[in-house]
Amino acid sequence: MLQHLSSYIVGTFVALFPIANPFGAGPVFYSLTATDTSAYRLRQACKVALNVTAVLAVSLLAGRGILSFFGISLGVLRIAKGLLVAHTAWEMVTAQQRMTPSENNAAIDKNDISFTPMAIPIISGPGAIGVIIGISARIDHWSGYLGCLIGIGGFGLFLYLCFSLGEKWLKVLGKNELGALNRVLDFFILAIAIQFISDGVFP
């Protein structure tokens, strides 16, 4: 039981990390809160983490129902998830902006960016939600749900730490070094997306 629980905790965290990409979301968060105080930025970081955790937890618990309601098989979900993640990864690898200029301007003018655009669609977007729904479709015991929920909570905590401590890392690494790190991570995201498609076509 404990081994089953821990495998879902680790598996959920590892599956979410490259897709949700907290390192890539960090610069976006700091650009949108550049004119805010440190205390306000910390509050926003906490709210982003809570919103992401809530969105992914609801997706986990409702995953089977969503697939059943729309009559979607797990294979089709994997292919759709792979195509979506591949599109997002390709945009990031080719250095395209994660938001359009109009979306960025609208976000800058917002007082609260914790739900949109940070939680949805930047972090817990369709790719991350698809990953969680895919995991939920394979769960056959309550310990699996518990392990996934703990994994999602752990990811939310890690996200908060990234955002709350990220300003120091941005200063140490610099934008060029952080951009290079993200390019490497984005390449692996693209590879993961292709694996999703492969798993859907050849189950």
N, C-alpha and C. Protein backbone atom coordinates (compact mmCIF):
# COMPACT_ATOMS: atom_id res chain seq x y z
N MET A 1 0.83 -1.21 0.00
CA MET A 1 0.00 0.00 0.00
C MET A 1 0.86 1.26 0.00
N LEU A 2 1.88 1.28 0.89
CA LEU A 2 2.75 2.46 0.98
C LEU A 2 3.54 2.66 -0.31
N GLN A 3 4.00 1.56 -0.89
CA GLN A 3 4.75 1.65 -2.14
C GLN A 3 3.84 2.13 -3.27
N HIS A 4 2.60 1.66 -3.30
CA HIS A 4 1.62 2.07 -4.31
C HIS A 4 1.35 3.56 -4.17
N LEU A 5 1.20 4.03 -2.92
CA LEU A 5 0.93 5.44 -2.66
C LEU A 5 2.10 6.30 -3.09
N SER A 6 3.29 5.90 -2.70
CA SER A 6 4.47 6.71 -3.03
C SER A 6 4.73 6.76 -4.53
N SER A 7 4.42 5.67 -5.25
CA SER A 7 4.64 5.67 -6.69
C SER A 7 3.73 6.68 -7.38
N TYR A 8 2.51 6.83 -6.89
CA TYR A 8 1.60 7.82 -7.47
C TYR A 8 2.01 9.24 -7.10
N ILE A 9 2.51 9.43 -5.89
CA ILE A 9 2.98 10.76 -5.48
C ILE A 9 4.12 11.21 -6.39
N VAL A 10 5.13 10.36 -6.50
CA VAL A 10 6.30 10.70 -7.32
C VAL A 10 5.92 10.79 -8.79
N GLY A 11 5.12 9.83 -9.26
CA GLY A 11 4.72 9.81 -10.66
C GLY A 11 3.95 11.04 -11.08
N THR A 12 3.04 11.50 -10.22
CA THR A 12 2.26 12.69 -10.53
C THR A 12 3.14 13.93 -10.59
N PHE A 13 4.02 14.07 -9.61
CA PHE A 13 4.92 15.23 -9.58
C PHE A 13 5.83 15.25 -10.81
N VAL A 14 6.42 14.10 -11.12
CA VAL A 14 7.34 14.01 -12.26
C VAL A 14 6.61 14.26 -13.58
N ALA A 15 5.37 13.77 -13.70
CA ALA A 15 4.60 13.96 -14.92
C ALA A 15 4.22 15.43 -15.11
N LEU A 16 3.93 16.12 -14.02
CA LEU A 16 3.51 17.51 -14.11
C LEU A 16 4.68 18.47 -14.36
N PHE A 17 5.84 18.14 -13.82
CA PHE A 17 6.95 19.10 -13.79
C PHE A 17 7.32 19.64 -15.17
N PRO A 18 7.59 18.80 -16.16
CA PRO A 18 7.98 19.36 -17.45
C PRO A 18 6.84 20.04 -18.19
N ILE A 19 5.61 19.54 -18.02
CA ILE A 19 4.48 20.09 -18.75
C ILE A 19 4.06 21.44 -18.17
N ALA A 20 3.90 21.50 -16.85
CA ALA A 20 3.52 22.76 -16.20
C ALA A 20 4.68 23.75 -16.17
N ASN A 21 5.92 23.25 -16.12
CA ASN A 21 7.15 24.04 -16.26
C ASN A 21 7.18 25.28 -15.36
N PRO A 22 7.36 25.11 -14.07
CA PRO A 22 7.43 26.28 -13.17
C PRO A 22 8.60 27.19 -13.48
N PHE A 23 9.70 26.65 -14.00
CA PHE A 23 10.85 27.48 -14.35
C PHE A 23 10.52 28.43 -15.51
N GLY A 24 9.76 27.91 -16.47
CA GLY A 24 9.37 28.75 -17.59
C GLY A 24 8.32 29.77 -17.22
N ALA A 25 7.46 29.43 -16.23
CA ALA A 25 6.40 30.35 -15.81
C ALA A 25 6.94 31.47 -14.92
N GLY A 26 8.10 31.23 -14.28
CA GLY A 26 8.67 32.22 -13.37
C GLY A 26 8.91 33.58 -13.99
N PRO A 27 9.62 33.66 -15.12
CA PRO A 27 9.85 34.96 -15.75
C PRO A 27 8.56 35.67 -16.14
N VAL A 28 7.53 34.90 -16.56
CA VAL A 28 6.24 35.51 -16.90
C VAL A 28 5.62 36.13 -15.65
N PHE A 29 5.68 35.39 -14.55
CA PHE A 29 5.12 35.88 -13.29
C PHE A 29 5.80 37.17 -12.86
N TYR A 30 7.12 37.21 -12.94
CA TYR A 30 7.84 38.40 -12.49
C TYR A 30 7.66 39.58 -13.43
N SER A 31 7.46 39.32 -14.71
CA SER A 31 7.21 40.43 -15.63
C SER A 31 5.84 41.05 -15.39
N LEU A 32 4.87 40.21 -15.00
CA LEU A 32 3.52 40.71 -14.75
C LEU A 32 3.39 41.40 -13.39
N THR A 33 4.33 41.13 -12.48
CA THR A 33 4.29 41.74 -11.15
C THR A 33 5.49 42.67 -10.93
N ALA A 34 6.08 43.15 -12.02
CA ALA A 34 7.31 43.94 -11.92
C ALA A 34 7.12 45.23 -11.14
N THR A 35 5.93 45.82 -11.22
CA THR A 35 5.68 47.10 -10.54
C THR A 35 5.06 46.92 -9.15
N ASP A 36 4.87 45.69 -8.72
CA ASP A 36 4.24 45.43 -7.42
C ASP A 36 5.29 45.28 -6.32
N THR A 37 4.84 45.41 -5.08
CA THR A 37 5.74 45.26 -3.95
C THR A 37 6.07 43.78 -3.72
N SER A 38 7.13 43.52 -2.98
CA SER A 38 7.53 42.14 -2.70
C SER A 38 6.45 41.40 -1.91
N ALA A 39 5.80 42.10 -0.97
CA ALA A 39 4.75 41.47 -0.17
C ALA A 39 3.56 41.07 -1.04
N TYR A 40 3.18 41.95 -1.97
CA TYR A 40 2.06 41.63 -2.86
C TYR A 40 2.42 40.48 -3.78
N ARG A 41 3.67 40.46 -4.25
CA ARG A 41 4.12 39.40 -5.14
C ARG A 41 4.09 38.05 -4.42
N LEU A 42 4.45 38.03 -3.15
CA LEU A 42 4.38 36.78 -2.38
C LEU A 42 2.94 36.31 -2.23
N ARG A 43 2.02 37.25 -2.01
CA ARG A 43 0.60 36.87 -1.90
C ARG A 43 0.10 36.31 -3.22
N GLN A 44 0.52 36.93 -4.31
CA GLN A 44 0.12 36.43 -5.62
C GLN A 44 0.72 35.04 -5.88
N ALA A 45 1.96 34.83 -5.47
CA ALA A 45 2.60 33.52 -5.64
C ALA A 45 1.84 32.44 -4.89
N CYS A 46 1.40 32.77 -3.69
CA CYS A 46 0.62 31.81 -2.89
C CYS A 46 -0.71 31.50 -3.56
N LYS A 47 -1.38 32.54 -4.07
CA LYS A 47 -2.67 32.34 -4.72
C LYS A 47 -2.53 31.55 -6.02
N VAL A 48 -1.46 31.80 -6.77
CA VAL A 48 -1.22 31.03 -7.99
C VAL A 48 -1.07 29.54 -7.65
N ALA A 49 -0.26 29.25 -6.63
CA ALA A 49 -0.03 27.86 -6.23
C ALA A 49 -1.33 27.20 -5.80
N LEU A 50 -2.15 27.91 -5.03
CA LEU A 50 -3.43 27.35 -4.57
C LEU A 50 -4.38 27.13 -5.74
N ASN A 51 -4.43 28.08 -6.67
CA ASN A 51 -5.32 27.94 -7.82
C ASN A 51 -4.90 26.77 -8.71
N VAL A 52 -3.59 26.64 -8.94
CA VAL A 52 -3.09 25.53 -9.75
C VAL A 52 -3.42 24.20 -9.08
N THR A 53 -3.21 24.12 -7.77
CA THR A 53 -3.52 22.90 -7.03
C THR A 53 -5.00 22.56 -7.13
N ALA A 54 -5.86 23.57 -7.00
CA ALA A 54 -7.31 23.35 -7.06
C ALA A 54 -7.74 22.88 -8.45
N VAL A 55 -7.24 23.52 -9.49
CA VAL A 55 -7.61 23.15 -10.86
C VAL A 55 -7.21 21.71 -11.16
N LEU A 56 -5.99 21.35 -10.78
CA LEU A 56 -5.51 19.99 -11.07
C LEU A 56 -6.22 18.94 -10.21
N ALA A 57 -6.54 19.30 -8.96
CA ALA A 57 -7.25 18.36 -8.09
C ALA A 57 -8.65 18.09 -8.62
N VAL A 58 -9.34 19.13 -9.07
CA VAL A 58 -10.68 18.94 -9.65
C VAL A 58 -10.59 18.10 -10.92
N SER A 59 -9.57 18.35 -11.73
CA SER A 59 -9.38 17.57 -12.96
C SER A 59 -9.16 16.10 -12.64
N LEU A 60 -8.41 15.82 -11.56
CA LEU A 60 -8.17 14.44 -11.15
C LEU A 60 -9.47 13.76 -10.74
N LEU A 61 -10.23 14.41 -9.90
CA LEU A 61 -11.44 13.80 -9.36
C LEU A 61 -12.55 13.68 -10.40
N ALA A 62 -12.55 14.59 -11.37
CA ALA A 62 -13.60 14.57 -12.40
C ALA A 62 -13.14 13.89 -13.68
N GLY A 63 -11.89 13.43 -13.71
CA GLY A 63 -11.32 12.91 -14.94
C GLY A 63 -12.10 11.78 -15.58
N ARG A 64 -12.41 10.76 -14.82
CA ARG A 64 -13.13 9.61 -15.37
C ARG A 64 -14.51 10.04 -15.88
N GLY A 65 -15.17 10.89 -15.12
CA GLY A 65 -16.50 11.36 -15.52
C GLY A 65 -16.46 12.15 -16.82
N ILE A 66 -15.42 12.96 -16.99
CA ILE A 66 -15.27 13.75 -18.22
C ILE A 66 -15.08 12.83 -19.42
N LEU A 67 -14.20 11.85 -19.28
CA LEU A 67 -13.95 10.92 -20.39
C LEU A 67 -15.21 10.13 -20.73
N SER A 68 -15.93 9.69 -19.70
CA SER A 68 -17.14 8.92 -19.92
C SER A 68 -18.24 9.77 -20.56
N PHE A 69 -18.38 11.00 -20.11
CA PHE A 69 -19.44 11.89 -20.62
C PHE A 69 -19.25 12.16 -22.11
N PHE A 70 -18.00 12.40 -22.52
CA PHE A 70 -17.73 12.71 -23.92
C PHE A 70 -17.42 11.47 -24.75
N GLY A 71 -17.36 10.31 -24.10
CA GLY A 71 -17.09 9.07 -24.82
C GLY A 71 -15.69 9.03 -25.42
N ILE A 72 -14.71 9.55 -24.69
CA ILE A 72 -13.33 9.63 -25.18
C ILE A 72 -12.53 8.47 -24.60
N SER A 73 -11.84 7.74 -25.46
CA SER A 73 -11.01 6.65 -24.99
C SER A 73 -9.67 7.19 -24.50
N LEU A 74 -8.96 6.37 -23.74
CA LEU A 74 -7.66 6.79 -23.21
C LEU A 74 -6.66 7.00 -24.34
N GLY A 75 -6.73 6.17 -25.38
CA GLY A 75 -5.81 6.33 -26.51
C GLY A 75 -6.00 7.65 -27.22
N VAL A 76 -7.26 8.02 -27.46
CA VAL A 76 -7.56 9.30 -28.11
C VAL A 76 -7.10 10.45 -27.24
N LEU A 77 -7.30 10.33 -25.94
CA LEU A 77 -6.86 11.38 -25.02
C LEU A 77 -5.34 11.57 -25.10
N ARG A 78 -4.61 10.45 -25.16
CA ARG A 78 -3.16 10.53 -25.23
C ARG A 78 -2.70 11.24 -26.51
N ILE A 79 -3.35 10.92 -27.63
CA ILE A 79 -2.98 11.56 -28.90
C ILE A 79 -3.28 13.05 -28.84
N ALA A 80 -4.48 13.42 -28.37
CA ALA A 80 -4.85 14.83 -28.29
C ALA A 80 -3.92 15.58 -27.33
N LYS A 81 -3.62 14.94 -26.22
CA LYS A 81 -2.71 15.55 -25.23
C LYS A 81 -1.33 15.74 -25.84
N GLY A 82 -0.86 14.73 -26.57
CA GLY A 82 0.45 14.82 -27.20
C GLY A 82 0.53 15.93 -28.22
N LEU A 83 -0.51 16.07 -29.05
CA LEU A 83 -0.53 17.12 -30.07
C LEU A 83 -0.53 18.50 -29.43
N LEU A 84 -1.32 18.64 -28.37
CA LEU A 84 -1.41 19.94 -27.70
C LEU A 84 -0.09 20.30 -27.03
N VAL A 85 0.50 19.35 -26.32
CA VAL A 85 1.77 19.61 -25.64
C VAL A 85 2.88 19.85 -26.67
N ALA A 86 2.84 19.12 -27.79
CA ALA A 86 3.85 19.31 -28.84
C ALA A 86 3.76 20.71 -29.43
N HIS A 87 2.54 21.19 -29.64
CA HIS A 87 2.35 22.54 -30.17
C HIS A 87 2.91 23.59 -29.22
N THR A 88 2.60 23.42 -27.93
CA THR A 88 3.10 24.36 -26.93
C THR A 88 4.61 24.30 -26.83
N ALA A 89 5.17 23.08 -26.81
CA ALA A 89 6.62 22.92 -26.71
C ALA A 89 7.33 23.51 -27.92
N TRP A 90 6.76 23.32 -29.10
CA TRP A 90 7.39 23.85 -30.32
C TRP A 90 7.42 25.38 -30.28
N GLU A 91 6.34 25.99 -29.79
CA GLU A 91 6.31 27.44 -29.66
C GLU A 91 7.41 27.93 -28.72
N MET A 92 7.64 27.19 -27.63
CA MET A 92 8.65 27.59 -26.66
C MET A 92 10.05 27.34 -27.19
N VAL A 93 10.25 26.22 -27.89
CA VAL A 93 11.56 25.92 -28.45
C VAL A 93 11.97 26.97 -29.49
N THR A 94 10.99 27.43 -30.27
CA THR A 94 11.27 28.43 -31.30
C THR A 94 11.15 29.86 -30.77
N ALA A 95 11.12 29.99 -29.43
CA ALA A 95 11.18 31.30 -28.76
C ALA A 95 9.97 32.17 -29.02
N GLN A 96 8.81 31.56 -29.26
CA GLN A 96 7.59 32.35 -29.38
C GLN A 96 7.05 32.65 -28.00
N GLN A 97 6.39 33.80 -27.87
CA GLN A 97 5.86 34.24 -26.58
C GLN A 97 4.72 33.34 -26.14
N ARG A 98 4.63 33.11 -24.83
CA ARG A 98 3.57 32.25 -24.29
C ARG A 98 2.23 32.96 -24.29
N MET A 99 2.25 34.31 -24.36
CA MET A 99 1.01 35.08 -24.47
C MET A 99 1.16 36.06 -25.61
N THR A 100 0.04 36.38 -26.25
CA THR A 100 0.06 37.38 -27.29
C THR A 100 0.24 38.76 -26.66
N PRO A 101 0.69 39.77 -27.42
CA PRO A 101 0.85 41.11 -26.85
C PRO A 101 -0.42 41.64 -26.20
N SER A 102 -1.58 41.40 -26.81
CA SER A 102 -2.83 41.88 -26.22
C SER A 102 -3.13 41.18 -24.91
N GLU A 103 -2.86 39.86 -24.85
CA GLU A 103 -3.06 39.12 -23.60
C GLU A 103 -2.11 39.61 -22.53
N ASN A 104 -0.87 39.88 -22.91
CA ASN A 104 0.11 40.37 -21.95
C ASN A 104 -0.28 41.72 -21.40
N ASN A 105 -0.74 42.63 -22.27
CA ASN A 105 -1.16 43.96 -21.82
C ASN A 105 -2.37 43.87 -20.89
N ALA A 106 -3.31 42.98 -21.23
CA ALA A 106 -4.48 42.81 -20.38
C ALA A 106 -4.09 42.26 -19.01
N ALA A 107 -3.13 41.33 -19.00
CA ALA A 107 -2.69 40.74 -17.73
C ALA A 107 -1.98 41.76 -16.86
N ILE A 108 -1.16 42.62 -17.49
CA ILE A 108 -0.44 43.64 -16.72
C ILE A 108 -1.41 44.59 -16.02
N ASP A 109 -2.54 44.87 -16.67
CA ASP A 109 -3.52 45.80 -16.11
C ASP A 109 -4.38 45.17 -15.02
N LYS A 110 -4.33 43.84 -14.88
CA LYS A 110 -5.15 43.17 -13.88
C LYS A 110 -4.54 43.30 -12.50
N ASN A 111 -5.41 43.45 -11.50
CA ASN A 111 -4.94 43.50 -10.12
C ASN A 111 -4.57 42.12 -9.60
N ASP A 112 -5.26 41.11 -10.09
CA ASP A 112 -5.04 39.74 -9.62
C ASP A 112 -4.79 38.84 -10.82
N ILE A 113 -3.56 38.35 -10.95
CA ILE A 113 -3.20 37.49 -12.09
C ILE A 113 -3.11 36.02 -11.67
N SER A 114 -3.53 35.71 -10.45
CA SER A 114 -3.28 34.38 -9.90
C SER A 114 -4.08 33.28 -10.59
N PHE A 115 -5.30 33.59 -11.05
CA PHE A 115 -6.09 32.57 -11.73
C PHE A 115 -5.87 32.63 -13.24
N THR A 116 -6.14 33.78 -13.81
CA THR A 116 -5.81 34.01 -15.22
C THR A 116 -4.88 35.21 -15.29
N PRO A 117 -3.79 35.15 -16.00
CA PRO A 117 -3.41 34.05 -16.89
C PRO A 117 -2.46 33.03 -16.26
N MET A 118 -2.04 33.20 -14.98
CA MET A 118 -0.99 32.35 -14.44
C MET A 118 -1.43 30.90 -14.25
N ALA A 119 -2.52 30.69 -13.46
CA ALA A 119 -2.97 29.31 -13.23
C ALA A 119 -3.50 28.71 -14.53
N ILE A 120 -4.39 29.42 -15.17
CA ILE A 120 -4.94 29.02 -16.47
C ILE A 120 -4.77 30.18 -17.44
N PRO A 121 -4.07 30.03 -18.55
CA PRO A 121 -3.64 28.74 -19.13
C PRO A 121 -2.16 28.45 -19.00
N ILE A 122 -1.37 29.31 -18.33
CA ILE A 122 0.08 29.19 -18.41
C ILE A 122 0.60 27.94 -17.69
N ILE A 123 0.13 27.68 -16.46
CA ILE A 123 0.68 26.55 -15.68
C ILE A 123 -0.23 25.33 -15.75
N SER A 124 -1.41 25.44 -15.22
CA SER A 124 -2.34 24.29 -15.25
C SER A 124 -3.25 24.44 -16.46
N GLY A 125 -2.63 24.50 -17.64
CA GLY A 125 -3.37 24.64 -18.88
C GLY A 125 -3.86 23.30 -19.39
N PRO A 126 -4.29 23.26 -20.65
CA PRO A 126 -4.83 22.01 -21.21
C PRO A 126 -3.84 20.84 -21.15
N GLY A 127 -2.54 21.12 -21.33
CA GLY A 127 -1.56 20.04 -21.29
C GLY A 127 -1.49 19.39 -19.93
N ALA A 128 -1.37 20.21 -18.86
CA ALA A 128 -1.30 19.68 -17.50
C ALA A 128 -2.61 19.00 -17.10
N ILE A 129 -3.73 19.60 -17.49
CA ILE A 129 -5.03 19.00 -17.18
C ILE A 129 -5.16 17.65 -17.89
N GLY A 130 -4.70 17.58 -19.14
CA GLY A 130 -4.75 16.32 -19.88
C GLY A 130 -3.91 15.24 -19.23
N VAL A 131 -2.74 15.63 -18.71
CA VAL A 131 -1.87 14.67 -18.01
C VAL A 131 -2.59 14.10 -16.79
N ILE A 132 -3.21 14.98 -16.02
CA ILE A 132 -3.91 14.54 -14.80
C ILE A 132 -5.11 13.65 -15.13
N ILE A 133 -5.88 14.02 -16.15
CA ILE A 133 -7.02 13.20 -16.54
C ILE A 133 -6.54 11.82 -17.02
N GLY A 134 -5.42 11.81 -17.74
CA GLY A 134 -4.85 10.54 -18.18
C GLY A 134 -4.45 9.66 -17.01
N ILE A 135 -3.88 10.28 -15.96
CA ILE A 135 -3.51 9.52 -14.76
C ILE A 135 -4.75 8.98 -14.07
N SER A 136 -5.79 9.83 -13.97
CA SER A 136 -7.02 9.42 -13.27
C SER A 136 -7.68 8.23 -13.94
N ALA A 137 -7.54 8.13 -15.28
CA ALA A 137 -8.17 7.03 -16.01
C ALA A 137 -7.53 5.69 -15.70
N ARG A 138 -6.29 5.72 -15.16
CA ARG A 138 -5.58 4.47 -14.86
C ARG A 138 -5.66 4.09 -13.38
N ILE A 139 -6.25 4.93 -12.56
CA ILE A 139 -6.32 4.65 -11.12
C ILE A 139 -7.38 3.59 -10.84
N ASP A 140 -7.03 2.60 -10.05
CA ASP A 140 -7.98 1.53 -9.73
C ASP A 140 -8.16 1.33 -8.23
N HIS A 141 -7.63 2.27 -7.43
CA HIS A 141 -7.75 2.14 -5.98
C HIS A 141 -7.71 3.53 -5.35
N TRP A 142 -8.35 3.66 -4.17
CA TRP A 142 -8.42 4.97 -3.53
C TRP A 142 -7.03 5.52 -3.19
N SER A 143 -6.06 4.63 -2.95
CA SER A 143 -4.72 5.08 -2.62
C SER A 143 -4.08 5.81 -3.81
N GLY A 144 -4.50 5.43 -5.03
CA GLY A 144 -4.00 6.13 -6.21
C GLY A 144 -4.46 7.57 -6.23
N TYR A 145 -5.75 7.80 -5.91
CA TYR A 145 -6.26 9.17 -5.84
C TYR A 145 -5.55 9.96 -4.75
N LEU A 146 -5.35 9.32 -3.60
CA LEU A 146 -4.68 10.00 -2.49
C LEU A 146 -3.25 10.37 -2.89
N GLY A 147 -2.55 9.42 -3.51
CA GLY A 147 -1.18 9.69 -3.93
C GLY A 147 -1.11 10.81 -4.95
N CYS A 148 -2.03 10.83 -5.90
CA CYS A 148 -2.06 11.90 -6.91
C CYS A 148 -2.35 13.25 -6.27
N LEU A 149 -3.28 13.28 -5.33
CA LEU A 149 -3.60 14.54 -4.65
C LEU A 149 -2.40 15.06 -3.88
N ILE A 150 -1.66 14.16 -3.22
CA ILE A 150 -0.46 14.57 -2.50
C ILE A 150 0.60 15.07 -3.50
N GLY A 151 0.72 14.37 -4.63
CA GLY A 151 1.66 14.80 -5.66
C GLY A 151 1.32 16.17 -6.20
N ILE A 152 0.03 16.42 -6.43
CA ILE A 152 -0.42 17.74 -6.90
C ILE A 152 -0.14 18.80 -5.85
N GLY A 153 -0.41 18.47 -4.57
CA GLY A 153 -0.11 19.41 -3.50
C GLY A 153 1.37 19.72 -3.40
N GLY A 154 2.20 18.67 -3.58
CA GLY A 154 3.65 18.88 -3.57
C GLY A 154 4.10 19.76 -4.71
N PHE A 155 3.48 19.59 -5.87
CA PHE A 155 3.82 20.44 -7.01
C PHE A 155 3.42 21.89 -6.73
N GLY A 156 2.25 22.08 -6.11
CA GLY A 156 1.82 23.43 -5.76
C GLY A 156 2.79 24.10 -4.80
N LEU A 157 3.27 23.33 -3.81
CA LEU A 157 4.25 23.86 -2.86
C LEU A 157 5.55 24.22 -3.56
N PHE A 158 6.01 23.34 -4.45
CA PHE A 158 7.24 23.61 -5.21
C PHE A 158 7.08 24.86 -6.08
N LEU A 159 5.90 25.02 -6.67
CA LEU A 159 5.62 26.18 -7.50
C LEU A 159 5.71 27.46 -6.67
N TYR A 160 5.14 27.43 -5.46
CA TYR A 160 5.20 28.60 -4.59
C TYR A 160 6.65 28.94 -4.24
N LEU A 161 7.45 27.92 -3.94
CA LEU A 161 8.85 28.16 -3.61
C LEU A 161 9.60 28.75 -4.81
N CYS A 162 9.29 28.26 -6.00
CA CYS A 162 9.93 28.79 -7.22
C CYS A 162 9.61 30.27 -7.39
N PHE A 163 8.36 30.62 -7.19
CA PHE A 163 7.95 32.01 -7.39
C PHE A 163 8.44 32.92 -6.27
N SER A 164 8.44 32.40 -5.03
CA SER A 164 8.83 33.24 -3.90
C SER A 164 10.35 33.45 -3.84
N LEU A 165 11.11 32.46 -4.33
CA LEU A 165 12.57 32.56 -4.31
C LEU A 165 13.17 32.83 -5.69
N GLY A 166 12.31 32.85 -6.69
CA GLY A 166 12.79 32.94 -8.06
C GLY A 166 13.48 34.23 -8.42
N GLU A 167 13.11 35.32 -7.75
CA GLU A 167 13.72 36.61 -8.09
C GLU A 167 15.23 36.57 -7.87
N LYS A 168 15.65 35.91 -6.80
CA LYS A 168 17.09 35.80 -6.53
C LYS A 168 17.77 34.96 -7.60
N TRP A 169 17.12 33.87 -8.00
CA TRP A 169 17.71 33.01 -9.04
C TRP A 169 17.78 33.72 -10.38
N LEU A 170 16.77 34.54 -10.68
CA LEU A 170 16.79 35.28 -11.93
C LEU A 170 17.97 36.25 -11.97
N LYS A 171 18.27 36.85 -10.83
CA LYS A 171 19.40 37.77 -10.77
C LYS A 171 20.73 37.03 -10.88
N VAL A 172 20.80 35.83 -10.27
CA VAL A 172 22.04 35.05 -10.31
C VAL A 172 22.29 34.48 -11.70
N LEU A 173 21.23 33.85 -12.28
CA LEU A 173 21.39 33.19 -13.56
C LEU A 173 21.43 34.17 -14.73
N GLY A 174 20.56 35.18 -14.66
CA GLY A 174 20.44 36.09 -15.78
C GLY A 174 19.44 35.56 -16.80
N LYS A 175 18.91 36.43 -17.61
CA LYS A 175 17.87 36.03 -18.56
C LYS A 175 18.40 35.07 -19.63
N ASN A 176 19.63 35.29 -20.10
CA ASN A 176 20.18 34.43 -21.15
C ASN A 176 20.36 32.99 -20.67
N GLU A 177 20.93 32.85 -19.46
CA GLU A 177 21.17 31.51 -18.91
C GLU A 177 19.85 30.81 -18.62
N LEU A 178 18.88 31.56 -18.08
CA LEU A 178 17.58 30.96 -17.79
C LEU A 178 16.88 30.56 -19.08
N GLY A 179 17.02 31.39 -20.11
CA GLY A 179 16.43 31.06 -21.41
C GLY A 179 17.03 29.79 -21.99
N ALA A 180 18.36 29.63 -21.84
CA ALA A 180 19.02 28.42 -22.34
C ALA A 180 18.52 27.19 -21.59
N LEU A 181 18.35 27.31 -20.27
CA LEU A 181 17.84 26.20 -19.46
C LEU A 181 16.44 25.82 -19.90
N ASN A 182 15.62 26.82 -20.17
CA ASN A 182 14.25 26.55 -20.62
C ASN A 182 14.22 25.89 -21.99
N ARG A 183 15.15 26.25 -22.86
CA ARG A 183 15.19 25.63 -24.19
C ARG A 183 15.46 24.13 -24.06
N VAL A 184 16.37 23.78 -23.16
CA VAL A 184 16.68 22.36 -22.95
C VAL A 184 15.45 21.63 -22.41
N LEU A 185 14.78 22.24 -21.43
CA LEU A 185 13.59 21.63 -20.84
C LEU A 185 12.48 21.53 -21.88
N ASP A 186 12.35 22.55 -22.72
CA ASP A 186 11.31 22.54 -23.76
C ASP A 186 11.54 21.43 -24.76
N PHE A 187 12.80 21.12 -25.05
CA PHE A 187 13.11 20.01 -25.96
C PHE A 187 12.60 18.69 -25.38
N PHE A 188 12.82 18.49 -24.08
CA PHE A 188 12.34 17.26 -23.45
C PHE A 188 10.81 17.23 -23.40
N ILE A 189 10.18 18.39 -23.25
CA ILE A 189 8.72 18.44 -23.29
C ILE A 189 8.22 17.99 -24.65
N LEU A 190 8.90 18.44 -25.71
CA LEU A 190 8.53 18.02 -27.06
C LEU A 190 8.68 16.51 -27.22
N ALA A 191 9.74 15.94 -26.66
CA ALA A 191 9.95 14.49 -26.72
C ALA A 191 8.85 13.76 -25.95
N ILE A 192 8.46 14.30 -24.80
CA ILE A 192 7.37 13.70 -24.01
C ILE A 192 6.07 13.72 -24.81
N ALA A 193 5.82 14.83 -25.51
CA ALA A 193 4.61 14.95 -26.32
C ALA A 193 4.57 13.87 -27.40
N ILE A 194 5.70 13.64 -28.05
CA ILE A 194 5.77 12.60 -29.08
C ILE A 194 5.53 11.23 -28.47
N GLN A 195 6.01 11.01 -27.24
CA GLN A 195 5.77 9.75 -26.54
C GLN A 195 4.28 9.57 -26.25
N PHE A 196 3.60 10.66 -25.87
CA PHE A 196 2.16 10.60 -25.65
C PHE A 196 1.44 10.12 -26.92
N ILE A 197 1.82 10.73 -28.04
CA ILE A 197 1.18 10.36 -29.31
C ILE A 197 1.47 8.90 -29.64
N SER A 198 2.71 8.47 -29.45
CA SER A 198 3.09 7.09 -29.70
C SER A 198 2.29 6.12 -28.84
N ASP A 199 2.12 6.46 -27.56
CA ASP A 199 1.37 5.60 -26.65
C ASP A 199 -0.09 5.50 -27.07
N GLY A 200 -0.62 6.61 -27.63
CA GLY A 200 -2.02 6.58 -28.09
C GLY A 200 -2.20 5.77 -29.35
N VAL A 201 -1.23 5.85 -30.27
CA VAL A 201 -1.32 5.12 -31.53
C VAL A 201 -0.97 3.64 -31.35
N PHE A 202 0.06 3.36 -30.52
CA PHE A 202 0.50 1.99 -30.28
C PHE A 202 0.39 1.66 -28.80
N PRO A 203 -0.82 1.44 -28.30
CA PRO A 203 -1.01 1.19 -26.86
C PRO A 203 -0.38 -0.12 -26.42
